Amino acid sequence: MEECISTAIYIYPKDISEFLIPIIDIEKQLKIEALVEESFRLRKQSDTLLKVAKRAIEIAIEQDEDTAISFINNHISKIE
């Protein structure tokens, strides 16, 4: 591997053979896959919950707290 003028590192095809690539048993691969998928799902869910919370605060300020709580309950039931 050689460094270019920029901060990026270029990997030459001849260098590929020097990389060590672990072979992980299929059970561990499937576990990792499930954890990654779960993390993506939870990230999406947390983004949605944050948007609901922001909107609920706006509703509480513009209208009232009870309306905001109803908004939250309505949207949380759709997420779960």
Protein backbone atom coordinates (compact mmCIF):
# COMPACT_ATOMS: atom_id res chain seq x y z
CA MET A 1 0.00 0.00 0.00
CA GLU A 2 1.22 3.44 -0.83
CA GLU A 3 0.04 6.80 0.32
CA CYS A 4 -1.05 9.21 -2.36
CA ILE A 5 -0.51 12.96 -2.19
CA SER A 6 -3.94 13.29 -0.59
CA THR A 7 -4.85 11.74 2.74
CA ALA A 8 -6.51 8.77 1.02
CA ILE A 9 -4.66 5.46 0.86
CA TYR A 10 -4.67 3.53 -2.39
CA ILE A 11 -4.61 -0.25 -2.27
CA TYR A 12 -2.89 -1.87 -5.20
CA PRO A 13 -4.21 -5.20 -6.48
CA LYS A 14 -0.90 -6.88 -5.63
CA ASP A 15 -1.46 -5.90 -1.96
CA ILE A 16 -4.79 -7.72 -1.63
CA SER A 17 -3.06 -11.05 -0.95
CA GLU A 18 -1.54 -9.53 2.21
CA PHE A 19 -4.92 -8.97 3.87
CA LEU A 20 -6.04 -11.47 6.45
CA ILE A 21 -9.72 -12.27 6.08
CA PRO A 22 -11.19 -14.24 8.98
CA ILE A 23 -13.51 -17.11 8.23
CA ILE A 24 -16.26 -17.00 10.84
CA ASP A 25 -18.53 -19.98 11.40
CA ILE A 26 -22.04 -19.63 9.99
CA GLU A 27 -23.73 -19.41 13.41
CA LYS A 28 -21.68 -16.35 14.33
CA GLN A 29 -22.29 -14.82 10.89
CA LEU A 30 -26.03 -15.23 11.33
CA LYS A 31 -25.85 -13.74 14.84
CA ILE A 32 -23.91 -10.72 13.52
CA GLU A 33 -26.40 -10.35 10.66
CA ALA A 34 -29.34 -10.39 13.08
CA LEU A 35 -27.67 -7.82 15.35
CA VAL A 36 -26.91 -5.49 12.44
CA GLU A 37 -30.47 -5.76 11.13
CA GLU A 38 -31.83 -5.11 14.63
CA SER A 39 -29.61 -2.05 14.99
CA PHE A 40 -30.94 -0.63 11.70
CA ARG A 41 -34.53 -1.29 12.81
CA LEU A 42 -33.96 0.34 16.19
CA ARG A 43 -32.23 3.32 14.60
CA LYS A 44 -35.22 3.89 12.33
CA GLN A 45 -37.56 3.50 15.30
CA SER A 46 -35.59 6.00 17.38
CA ASP A 47 -35.66 8.54 14.53
CA THR A 48 -39.42 8.13 14.29
CA LEU A 49 -39.86 8.49 18.06
CA LEU A 50 -37.76 11.65 18.06
CA LYS A 51 -39.94 13.16 15.32
CA VAL A 52 -43.09 12.22 17.27
CA ALA A 53 -41.66 13.79 20.44
CA LYS A 54 -40.74 17.02 18.63
CA ARG A 55 -44.20 17.27 17.10
CA ALA A 56 -45.84 16.50 20.45
CA ILE A 57 -43.96 19.39 22.05
CA GLU A 58 -45.18 21.70 19.29
CA ILE A 59 -48.74 20.48 19.85
CA ALA A 60 -48.45 20.99 23.62
CA ILE A 61 -47.27 24.56 23.07
CA GLU A 62 -49.78 25.40 20.32
CA GLN A 63 -52.79 23.56 21.78
CA ASP A 64 -52.64 21.67 25.07
CA GLU A 65 -50.90 18.82 26.84
CA ASP A 66 -53.78 16.35 26.54
CA THR A 67 -53.83 16.71 22.75
CA ALA A 68 -50.06 16.19 22.68
CA ILE A 69 -50.32 13.05 24.81
CA SER A 70 -53.04 11.69 22.53
CA PHE A 71 -50.80 12.39 19.55
CA ILE A 72 -47.93 10.47 21.18
CA ASN A 73 -50.13 7.51 22.14
CA ASN A 74 -51.61 7.34 18.66
CA HIS A 75 -48.19 7.28 16.98
CA ILE A 76 -46.50 4.97 19.46
CA SER A 77 -49.17 2.31 18.95
CA LYS A 78 -48.38 2.41 15.19
CA ILE A 79 -44.64 1.96 15.83
CA GLU A 80 -44.82 -1.01 18.20
